[in-house]
Amino acid sequence: MPNRLLVAAMLCSAALLCRAAPPQTIAPLDFAAARTMAHARADSIKAEDAETSRRQHEAQSARSLHGPKVVLDAKQVWGSKSVDIGPINLGSMMPPQLGPILGSSLDDTSLSYRDDLDGPRAVLSLEMPLYTGGAITARVNAADEAVAESRARSRVVRDQLDTELAQKYFAVQLARSIVNLREDMLAQQDLEVKKARRFEQTGVISRLERMAVEVNRDAARRELLSARTDCSVAERELAGLLREERIGALSTPLFVLTGSLGSAKDWVDKALAFSPLLQSIDAKRRQADQGVTAAKSAWHPQLYAFAQGNLIKHYLSITEPDWIAGIGVRFTLWDNKDRNESIAAARSLVTKAQAARGEAVNKLTTAVETAYLRSEQAREQYRLTDSTLALAQENLRLREKSFSEGLSTADDVNDARNKLLAAQIARRLAAYRFVAAWAALNGIAGTMHEFESSLARVDNIIER
């Protein structure tokens, strides 16, 4: 009995806790948070960051080329050295007083020597470059420029991702707003069906009119089904970009800027100054310049300092030094690789980089001008929907009133309602086209931070 009471008390406590616990809700996702999420999860950015890290480590490694290189060489040696001097008359080398004493024992003495070289060797050697004709400096500078190129490429990938994110994020907002419009349309059509049935019963409209209203209602259902499918596709694409299972509420609405966007020339100048694509090409050209310097260094002598010491001296032969140090000069008199052609090849890379920059500037200018014109066009299209929307609203009001009085047909009301819906969709579509073009313009110019800050501008027209 006590155990049962204890279990019952625990179950009651758990039930009270579950009832008291508030339901967990997911906060709406704004564009800034979605951008942060995309940057943290995108595999393309991870790959570029890894490439940048690799080049940074290579650049750090290249800086050590100015320092000394110390090598420990340990080995076991087997061998011998024989020296045979041949017959030597040692008597002629002695003082005359010793000649009678030694007699002829020193005449034509054969001298030979054999040295056993067996034993371990341990040699510590050092070599430090003093002058290489600019080869090391060129390699270090080229490695640094490779890091700058990789960082610029990483910014290109981020800007492309931001542009794609803006298109998909606001595509979901557009699709959801169209679904809402279609749902309202269907709700109104359902009301019209009920109204038409009452009118048919009272003899205001014919059976054919009532059937026409039901056909229009069914058409609205089909359009809503299509809109929901389009919305699901848009949500799936955004979820895939963000590496999410599903997309919840989005808090940043469609918008249109009514203030000044600047001139096309201003945007071209901004793109030429901040575009990471051009920065990447400039870094590659500077790498090519360092390649020319490195190729020219092959014609220069190399000055170096060296030192060597034997750590195990017991087994050294007579000719092997305990230690040795000095300064050396090395100059290649004849190389199996044509050095002049190497310089010409390096200069060709510089020319190639310069041509690539010219082509990039041309394409960049065209892309900026195109995105700018599309932004302005979308803004104008959005503005021009005001009159169309006002006319469609008034036309629907009059047609519904006439239908209630039996002066208009169901098709007239449906046509008026479709025109209003088309005007509302066109308005939202124009807003989306502006957002997409505005994001593309900032992405091309390398100013996606300005796109994000423009979401809070006071001259925004919010379109939900």
Protein backbone atom coordinates (compact mmCIF):
# COMPACT_ATOMS: atom_id res chain seq x y z
CA MET A 1 0.00 0.00 0.00
CA PRO A 2 2.77 2.57 0.77
CA ASN A 3 4.44 1.76 -2.56
CA ARG A 4 1.18 2.32 -4.42
CA LEU A 5 0.66 5.64 -2.70
CA LEU A 6 4.20 6.70 -3.60
CA VAL A 7 3.71 5.78 -7.25
CA ALA A 8 0.40 7.62 -7.37
CA ALA A 9 1.97 10.72 -5.86
CA MET A 10 4.79 10.66 -8.41
CA LEU A 11 2.34 10.32 -11.31
CA CYS A 12 0.26 13.22 -10.02
CA SER A 13 3.37 15.39 -9.66
CA ALA A 14 4.48 14.55 -13.19
CA ALA A 15 1.01 15.37 -14.54
CA LEU A 16 1.02 18.73 -12.74
CA LEU A 17 4.48 19.55 -14.08
CA CYS A 18 3.48 18.65 -17.63
CA ARG A 19 0.36 20.79 -17.33
CA ALA A 20 2.30 23.71 -15.86
CA ALA A 21 5.13 23.56 -18.40
CA PRO A 22 4.52 26.07 -21.21
CA PRO A 23 4.67 24.70 -24.75
CA GLN A 24 7.97 25.22 -26.53
CA THR A 25 7.71 27.57 -29.46
CA ILE A 26 10.25 28.25 -32.16
CA ALA A 27 11.07 31.92 -32.58
CA PRO A 28 10.50 33.33 -36.07
CA LEU A 29 13.61 33.32 -38.20
CA ASP A 30 14.69 36.73 -39.50
CA PHE A 31 17.02 37.22 -42.45
CA ALA A 32 20.05 38.15 -40.32
CA ALA A 33 19.72 34.93 -38.29
CA ALA A 34 19.21 32.91 -41.47
CA ARG A 35 22.35 34.45 -42.94
CA THR A 36 24.37 33.54 -39.86
CA MET A 37 22.98 30.01 -39.97
CA ALA A 38 23.78 29.62 -43.67
CA HIS A 39 27.37 30.80 -43.19
CA ALA A 40 27.90 28.39 -40.31
CA ARG A 41 26.52 25.36 -42.14
CA ALA A 42 27.40 25.84 -45.80
CA ASP A 43 29.89 23.24 -47.02
CA SER A 44 31.16 25.60 -49.71
CA ILE A 45 32.23 28.12 -47.06
CA LYS A 46 33.83 25.37 -44.98
CA ALA A 47 35.82 24.28 -48.03
CA GLU A 48 36.98 27.84 -48.73
CA ASP A 49 37.92 28.37 -45.08
CA ALA A 50 39.94 25.15 -45.16
CA GLU A 51 41.72 26.31 -48.30
CA THR A 52 42.49 29.66 -46.67
CA SER A 53 43.83 27.88 -43.59
CA ARG A 54 46.04 25.68 -45.78
CA ARG A 55 47.52 28.68 -47.55
CA GLN A 56 48.07 30.50 -44.25
CA HIS A 57 50.08 27.54 -42.97
CA GLU A 58 52.06 27.46 -46.22
CA ALA A 59 52.79 31.18 -45.92
CA GLN A 60 53.94 30.73 -42.34
CA SER A 61 56.15 27.86 -43.47
CA ALA A 62 57.66 29.97 -46.27
CA ARG A 63 58.74 32.66 -43.79
CA SER A 64 61.15 30.14 -42.25
CA LEU A 65 63.14 29.95 -45.50
CA HIS A 66 65.21 32.94 -44.37
CA GLY A 67 66.45 30.99 -41.36
CA PRO A 68 69.05 28.24 -41.06
CA LYS A 69 68.57 24.61 -41.94
CA VAL A 70 70.02 22.23 -39.37
CA VAL A 71 70.41 18.55 -40.20
CA LEU A 72 71.51 15.67 -38.00
CA ASP A 73 72.91 12.80 -40.05
CA ALA A 74 73.59 9.59 -38.12
CA LYS A 75 74.91 6.43 -39.78
CA GLN A 76 77.03 3.32 -39.31
CA VAL A 77 80.07 3.13 -41.58
CA TRP A 78 82.07 0.10 -42.73
CA GLY A 79 85.22 0.63 -44.71
CA SER A 80 88.96 1.15 -44.72
CA LYS A 81 91.55 3.46 -46.23
CA SER A 82 94.95 2.21 -47.44
CA VAL A 83 97.85 4.55 -48.13
CA ASP A 84 100.97 3.18 -49.90
CA ILE A 85 103.71 5.78 -50.17
CA GLY A 86 106.23 3.44 -51.76
CA PRO A 87 110.01 3.00 -51.12
CA ILE A 88 111.65 5.94 -49.39
CA ASN A 89 115.36 6.35 -48.54
CA LEU A 90 115.11 7.43 -44.94
CA GLY A 91 118.84 7.34 -44.48
CA SER A 92 119.28 10.37 -46.65
CA MET A 93 116.96 12.21 -44.31
CA MET A 94 118.98 11.42 -41.17
CA PRO A 95 121.82 13.50 -39.74
CA PRO A 96 125.29 12.32 -40.81
CA GLN A 97 126.17 11.37 -37.25
CA LEU A 98 123.45 8.66 -37.20
CA GLY A 99 124.34 7.14 -40.56
CA PRO A 100 127.15 4.84 -39.31
CA ILE A 101 125.04 3.80 -36.37
CA LEU A 102 121.89 2.84 -38.29
CA GLY A 103 123.78 1.47 -41.23
CA SER A 104 121.74 0.55 -44.32
CA SER A 105 118.56 -0.43 -42.47
CA LEU A 106 116.84 2.76 -43.55
CA ASP A 107 117.67 2.53 -47.24
CA ASP A 108 114.63 2.07 -49.51
CA THR A 109 112.11 1.65 -46.68
CA SER A 110 108.58 0.95 -47.89
CA LEU A 111 105.92 2.96 -46.07
CA SER A 112 102.25 2.04 -46.15
CA TYR A 113 99.27 2.84 -43.96
CA ARG A 114 95.83 1.28 -43.54
CA ASP A 115 93.04 3.03 -41.60
CA ASP A 116 89.97 1.19 -40.38
CA LEU A 117 86.90 3.41 -40.90
CA ASP A 118 84.38 1.08 -39.25
CA GLY A 119 82.18 2.80 -36.68
CA PRO A 120 79.25 5.13 -36.15
CA ARG A 121 79.11 8.70 -37.43
CA ALA A 122 76.89 11.54 -36.23
CA VAL A 123 77.22 14.81 -38.13
CA LEU A 124 75.37 18.01 -37.24
CA SER A 125 75.34 20.39 -40.20
CA LEU A 126 73.94 23.89 -40.62
CA GLU A 127 73.34 25.95 -43.73
CA MET A 128 71.84 29.43 -43.79
CA PRO A 129 71.09 31.48 -46.91
CA LEU A 130 72.57 34.96 -46.92
CA TYR A 131 71.66 36.05 -50.44
CA THR A 132 69.48 34.22 -53.00
CA GLY A 133 68.84 36.90 -55.59
CA GLY A 134 65.32 37.50 -54.30
CA ALA A 135 64.12 33.90 -54.65
CA ILE A 136 63.15 33.46 -51.00
CA THR A 137 61.54 36.88 -50.72
CA ALA A 138 59.54 36.21 -53.87
CA ARG A 139 58.35 32.89 -52.53
CA VAL A 140 57.30 34.42 -49.20
CA ASN A 141 55.45 37.28 -50.93
CA ALA A 142 53.75 34.86 -53.32
CA ALA A 143 52.55 32.77 -50.37
CA ASP A 144 51.12 35.87 -48.69
CA GLU A 145 49.34 36.84 -51.90
CA ALA A 146 47.94 33.31 -52.14
CA VAL A 147 46.38 33.85 -48.71
CA ALA A 148 44.89 37.16 -49.88
CA GLU A 149 43.51 35.45 -52.98
CA SER A 150 41.93 32.67 -50.94
CA ARG A 151 40.33 35.16 -48.55
CA ALA A 152 38.88 37.09 -51.47
CA ARG A 153 37.56 33.86 -52.99
CA SER A 154 35.95 33.05 -49.64
CA ARG A 155 34.18 36.42 -49.73
CA VAL A 156 32.98 35.68 -53.27
CA VAL A 157 31.46 32.41 -52.08
CA ARG A 158 29.83 34.15 -49.11
CA ASP A 159 28.34 36.87 -51.31
CA GLN A 160 27.00 34.27 -53.72
CA LEU A 161 25.50 32.35 -50.81
CA ASP A 162 23.93 35.53 -49.41
CA THR A 163 22.39 36.35 -52.79
CA GLU A 164 20.99 32.83 -53.11
CA LEU A 165 19.73 32.96 -49.53
CA ALA A 166 17.92 36.25 -50.15
CA GLN A 167 16.25 34.83 -53.25
CA LYS A 168 15.10 31.67 -51.45
CA TYR A 169 14.18 33.35 -48.16
CA PHE A 170 11.95 35.94 -49.77
CA ALA A 171 10.66 33.41 -52.29
CA VAL A 172 9.15 31.61 -49.31
CA GLN A 173 7.63 34.86 -48.12
CA LEU A 174 6.19 35.46 -51.59
CA ALA A 175 4.83 31.91 -51.86
CA ARG A 176 3.25 32.08 -48.41
CA SER A 177 1.62 35.42 -49.14
CA ILE A 178 0.17 34.01 -52.37
CA VAL A 179 -1.15 31.01 -50.43
CA ASN A 180 -2.84 33.42 -48.01
CA LEU A 181 -4.40 35.30 -50.90
CA ARG A 182 -5.58 32.06 -52.47
CA GLU A 183 -7.05 30.91 -49.15
CA ASP A 184 -8.92 34.21 -48.81
CA MET A 185 -10.11 33.80 -52.38
CA LEU A 186 -11.42 30.31 -51.65
CA ALA A 187 -13.12 31.49 -48.46
CA GLN A 188 -14.86 34.23 -50.43
CA GLN A 189 -15.84 31.72 -53.09
CA ASP A 190 -17.35 29.45 -50.44
CA LEU A 191 -19.40 32.38 -49.19
CA GLU A 192 -20.46 33.11 -52.74
CA VAL A 193 -21.62 29.52 -53.18
CA LYS A 194 -23.75 29.76 -50.06
CA LYS A 195 -25.13 33.09 -51.19
CA ALA A 196 -25.84 31.75 -54.67
CA ARG A 197 -27.75 28.80 -53.25
CA ARG A 198 -29.94 31.15 -51.21
CA PHE A 199 -30.51 33.34 -54.24
CA GLU A 200 -31.42 30.28 -56.30
CA GLN A 201 -33.96 29.22 -53.71
CA THR A 202 -35.54 32.69 -53.71
CA GLY A 203 -35.48 32.87 -57.49
CA VAL A 204 -33.02 35.76 -57.72
CA ILE A 205 -30.58 33.76 -59.89
CA SER A 206 -30.96 30.67 -62.03
CA ARG A 207 -29.60 27.20 -61.42
CA LEU A 208 -27.03 27.83 -64.16
CA GLU A 209 -25.71 30.88 -62.28
CA ARG A 210 -25.42 28.87 -59.10
CA MET A 211 -23.49 26.13 -60.93
CA ALA A 212 -21.17 28.77 -62.40
CA VAL A 213 -20.38 30.00 -58.89
CA GLU A 214 -19.55 26.45 -57.80
CA VAL A 215 -17.29 26.01 -60.83
CA ASN A 216 -15.45 29.20 -59.89
CA ARG A 217 -15.10 27.89 -56.34
CA ASP A 218 -13.57 24.65 -57.60
CA ALA A 219 -11.17 26.64 -59.79
CA ALA A 220 -10.10 28.58 -56.67
CA ARG A 221 -9.43 25.27 -54.93
CA ARG A 222 -7.21 24.13 -57.78
CA GLU A 223 -5.28 27.40 -57.72
CA LEU A 224 -4.84 27.10 -53.95
CA LEU A 225 -3.52 23.55 -54.34
CA SER A 226 -1.00 24.76 -56.92
CA ALA A 227 0.04 27.69 -54.68
CA ARG A 228 0.56 25.36 -51.73
CA THR A 229 2.73 23.09 -53.86
CA ASP A 230 4.82 26.07 -54.98
CA CYS A 231 5.13 27.14 -51.36
CA SER A 232 6.26 23.66 -50.30
CA VAL A 233 8.90 23.68 -53.04
CA ALA A 234 10.17 27.11 -51.94
CA GLU A 235 10.29 26.00 -48.31
CA ARG A 236 12.14 22.81 -49.24
CA GLU A 237 14.77 24.78 -51.16
CA LEU A 238 15.31 27.18 -48.26
CA ALA A 239 15.43 24.31 -45.77
CA GLY A 240 18.05 22.57 -47.89
CA LEU A 241 20.16 25.72 -48.03
CA LEU A 242 19.95 26.16 -44.25
CA ARG A 243 20.40 22.42 -43.53
CA GLU A 244 17.07 22.35 -41.69
CA GLU A 245 14.35 19.72 -41.68
CA ARG A 246 11.60 22.28 -42.07
CA ILE A 247 11.09 26.03 -42.19
CA GLY A 248 9.05 27.73 -39.50
CA ALA A 249 7.84 31.29 -39.39
CA LEU A 250 9.93 33.95 -41.16
CA SER A 251 9.89 37.41 -39.62
CA THR A 252 11.53 39.54 -42.34
CA PRO A 253 8.83 40.52 -44.86
CA LEU A 254 9.09 41.50 -48.48
CA PHE A 255 10.00 45.15 -48.85
CA VAL A 256 10.58 47.89 -51.40
CA LEU A 257 12.87 50.87 -50.87
CA THR A 258 11.33 54.16 -51.92
CA GLY A 259 14.37 56.33 -51.26
CA SER A 260 17.37 56.86 -53.47
CA LEU A 261 19.35 53.81 -54.53
CA GLY A 262 22.23 55.86 -55.90
CA SER A 263 23.24 56.05 -59.53
CA ALA A 264 24.47 53.23 -61.71
CA LYS A 265 27.89 54.89 -61.87
CA ASP A 266 28.08 54.98 -58.07
CA TRP A 267 27.41 51.25 -57.96
CA VAL A 268 29.98 50.51 -60.64
CA ASP A 269 32.60 52.50 -58.74
CA LYS A 270 31.64 50.70 -55.54
CA ALA A 271 31.94 47.32 -57.22
CA LEU A 272 35.36 48.15 -58.69
CA ALA A 273 36.53 49.19 -55.22
CA PHE A 274 35.02 46.43 -53.07
CA SER A 275 34.34 43.46 -55.31
CA PRO A 276 36.12 40.42 -53.84
CA LEU A 277 36.30 38.92 -57.32
CA LEU A 278 38.59 41.73 -58.49
CA GLN A 279 40.56 41.50 -55.25
CA SER A 280 41.10 37.81 -55.94
CA ILE A 281 42.34 38.51 -59.48
CA ASP A 282 44.63 41.30 -58.23
CA ALA A 283 46.15 38.93 -55.68
CA LYS A 284 46.72 36.36 -58.42
CA ARG A 285 48.44 38.97 -60.57
CA ARG A 286 50.75 39.91 -57.70
CA GLN A 287 51.61 36.22 -57.36
CA ALA A 288 52.56 36.25 -61.03
CA ASP A 289 54.80 39.27 -60.41
CA GLN A 290 56.59 37.35 -57.69
CA GLY A 291 56.98 34.47 -60.13
CA VAL A 292 58.92 36.79 -62.45
CA THR A 293 61.17 37.82 -59.58
CA ALA A 294 61.78 34.19 -58.64
CA ALA A 295 62.62 33.28 -62.25
CA LYS A 296 65.13 36.14 -62.50
CA SER A 297 66.83 35.01 -59.30
CA ALA A 298 68.16 31.95 -61.13
CA TRP A 299 70.71 34.25 -62.82
CA HIS A 300 72.04 35.50 -59.48
CA PRO A 301 74.67 33.82 -57.30
CA GLN A 302 73.70 32.39 -53.95
CA LEU A 303 75.64 33.30 -50.83
CA TYR A 304 75.33 31.05 -47.81
CA ALA A 305 76.97 30.28 -44.47
CA PHE A 306 77.60 26.73 -43.36
CA ALA A 307 78.90 24.80 -40.39
CA GLN A 308 79.43 21.11 -39.66
CA GLY A 309 80.50 19.22 -36.58
CA ASN A 310 81.12 15.55 -35.88
CA LEU A 311 79.49 14.50 -32.63
CA ILE A 312 81.32 11.13 -32.45
CA LYS A 313 85.05 11.71 -32.80
CA HIS A 314 86.46 8.35 -31.69
CA TYR A 315 86.09 6.69 -35.07
CA LEU A 316 87.09 9.65 -37.25
CA SER A 317 89.86 9.22 -39.76
CA ILE A 318 92.77 11.61 -39.94
CA THR A 319 91.23 13.55 -42.81
CA GLU A 320 87.80 13.97 -41.17
CA PRO A 321 87.55 17.27 -39.27
CA ASP A 322 86.08 17.63 -35.83
CA TRP A 323 84.21 20.69 -37.06
CA ILE A 324 84.26 23.05 -39.99
CA ALA A 325 82.52 26.36 -40.82
CA GLY A 326 82.62 28.97 -43.50
CA ILE A 327 80.86 31.02 -46.17
CA GLY A 328 80.15 29.73 -49.65
CA VAL A 329 79.07 31.10 -53.00
CA ARG A 330 77.10 29.00 -55.45
CA PHE A 331 76.47 30.06 -59.04
CA THR A 332 74.91 27.93 -61.73
CA LEU A 333 76.98 28.25 -64.87
CA TRP A 334 74.81 26.01 -66.99
CA ASP A 335 71.31 24.89 -66.12
CA ASN A 336 69.39 22.06 -67.73
CA LYS A 337 66.37 24.39 -67.74
CA ASP A 338 66.40 27.51 -69.93
CA ARG A 339 66.30 30.36 -67.45
CA ASN A 340 65.34 32.98 -70.02
CA GLU A 341 62.37 30.92 -71.10
CA SER A 342 61.35 30.53 -67.46
CA ILE A 343 61.32 34.32 -67.11
CA ALA A 344 59.26 34.64 -70.30
CA ALA A 345 56.78 32.05 -69.00
CA ALA A 346 56.41 33.95 -65.72
CA ARG A 347 55.78 37.19 -67.61
CA SER A 348 53.10 35.44 -69.65
CA LEU A 349 51.29 34.66 -66.40
CA VAL A 350 51.35 38.36 -65.55
CA THR A 351 49.85 39.19 -68.93
CA LYS A 352 47.21 36.51 -68.43
CA ALA A 353 46.28 37.93 -65.03
CA GLN A 354 46.01 41.45 -66.45
CA ALA A 355 43.75 40.23 -69.26
CA ALA A 356 41.62 38.31 -66.77
CA ARG A 357 41.14 41.47 -64.73
CA GLY A 358 40.08 43.43 -67.79
CA GLU A 359 37.52 40.78 -68.67
CA ALA A 360 36.28 40.64 -65.08
CA VAL A 361 35.87 44.42 -64.95
CA ASN A 362 33.81 44.33 -68.14
CA LYS A 363 31.56 41.53 -66.89
CA LEU A 364 31.29 43.09 -63.44
CA THR A 365 30.25 46.44 -64.88
CA THR A 366 27.59 44.81 -67.05
CA ALA A 367 26.26 42.74 -64.14
CA VAL A 368 26.07 45.76 -61.83
CA GLU A 369 24.27 47.88 -64.41
CA THR A 370 21.83 45.05 -65.15
CA ALA A 371 21.04 44.46 -61.48
CA TYR A 372 20.62 48.19 -60.93
CA LEU A 373 18.20 48.54 -63.84
CA ARG A 374 16.21 45.53 -62.65
CA SER A 375 15.98 47.06 -59.16
CA GLU A 376 14.66 50.32 -60.55
CA GLN A 377 12.30 48.48 -62.87
CA ALA A 378 10.87 46.43 -60.01
CA ARG A 379 10.34 49.56 -57.93
CA GLU A 380 8.48 51.25 -60.77
CA GLN A 381 6.37 48.15 -61.38
CA TYR A 382 5.49 48.08 -57.71
CA ARG A 383 4.48 51.72 -57.79
CA LEU A 384 2.32 51.21 -60.86
CA THR A 385 0.32 48.48 -59.14
CA ASP A 386 -1.31 51.09 -56.88
CA SER A 387 -3.78 52.29 -59.49
CA THR A 388 -4.46 48.76 -60.74
CA LEU A 389 -5.13 47.56 -57.21
CA ALA A 390 -7.45 50.47 -56.43
CA LEU A 391 -9.41 49.91 -59.65
CA ALA A 392 -9.71 46.17 -59.01
CA GLN A 393 -11.01 46.76 -55.47
CA GLU A 394 -13.64 49.21 -56.64
CA ASN A 395 -14.66 46.99 -59.55
CA LEU A 396 -15.14 44.00 -57.22
CA ARG A 397 -17.23 46.06 -54.82
CA LEU A 398 -19.54 47.19 -57.59
CA ARG A 399 -19.83 43.73 -59.14
CA GLU A 400 -20.70 42.12 -55.81
CA LYS A 401 -23.37 44.74 -55.21
CA SER A 402 -24.78 44.27 -58.69
CA PHE A 403 -24.80 40.49 -58.25
CA SER A 404 -26.77 40.83 -55.04
CA GLU A 405 -29.31 42.87 -56.96
CA GLY A 406 -29.37 40.44 -59.86
CA LEU A 407 -27.76 42.91 -62.27
CA SER A 408 -24.46 41.03 -62.70
CA THR A 409 -23.66 37.41 -63.36
CA ALA A 410 -21.49 35.11 -61.27
CA ASP A 411 -18.84 35.21 -63.97
CA ASP A 412 -18.73 38.99 -63.68
CA VAL A 413 -18.07 38.76 -59.95
CA ASN A 414 -15.52 36.02 -60.41
CA ASP A 415 -13.75 37.99 -63.11
CA ALA A 416 -13.62 41.04 -60.85
CA ARG A 417 -12.31 38.95 -57.96
CA ASN A 418 -9.63 37.36 -60.17
CA LYS A 419 -8.52 40.78 -61.35
CA LEU A 420 -8.14 41.93 -57.76
CA LEU A 421 -6.20 38.78 -56.92
CA ALA A 422 -3.98 39.24 -59.96
CA ALA A 423 -3.27 42.84 -58.90
CA GLN A 424 -2.38 41.73 -55.37
CA ILE A 425 -0.11 38.97 -56.64
CA ALA A 426 1.52 41.35 -59.13
CA ARG A 427 2.22 43.77 -56.29
CA ARG A 428 3.91 41.12 -54.18
CA LEU A 429 5.76 39.74 -57.20
CA ALA A 430 7.12 43.20 -57.95
CA ALA A 431 8.29 43.46 -54.34
CA TYR A 432 10.03 40.10 -54.62
CA ARG A 433 11.68 41.08 -57.89
CA PHE A 434 13.01 44.20 -56.22
CA VAL A 435 14.41 42.25 -53.26
CA ALA A 436 16.04 39.69 -55.58
CA ALA A 437 17.58 42.37 -57.81
CA TRP A 438 18.65 44.46 -54.80
CA ALA A 439 20.35 41.44 -53.23
CA ALA A 440 22.06 40.59 -56.52
CA LEU A 441 23.28 44.19 -56.85
CA ASN A 442 24.82 44.17 -53.37
CA GLY A 443 26.22 40.68 -53.87
CA ILE A 444 27.98 41.65 -57.10
CA ALA A 445 29.36 44.83 -55.56
CA GLY A 446 30.59 43.00 -52.46
CA THR A 447 28.33 45.00 -50.11
CA MET A 448 25.92 42.40 -48.74
CA HIS A 449 26.19 44.06 -45.33
CA GLU A 450 24.42 47.07 -46.87
CA PHE A 451 21.62 44.81 -48.07
CA GLU A 452 21.11 43.52 -44.55
CA SER A 453 21.16 47.04 -43.10
CA SER A 454 18.67 48.22 -45.74
CA LEU A 455 16.06 45.96 -44.15
CA ALA A 456 15.75 48.55 -41.38
CA ARG A 457 15.67 51.67 -43.56
CA VAL A 458 12.89 54.11 -42.79
CA ASP A 459 11.91 54.41 -46.47
CA ASN A 460 10.88 50.75 -46.63
CA ILE A 461 7.45 49.73 -47.84
CA ILE A 462 6.62 46.45 -46.15
CA GLU A 463 4.66 43.96 -48.23
CA ARG A 464 3.23 40.96 -46.43
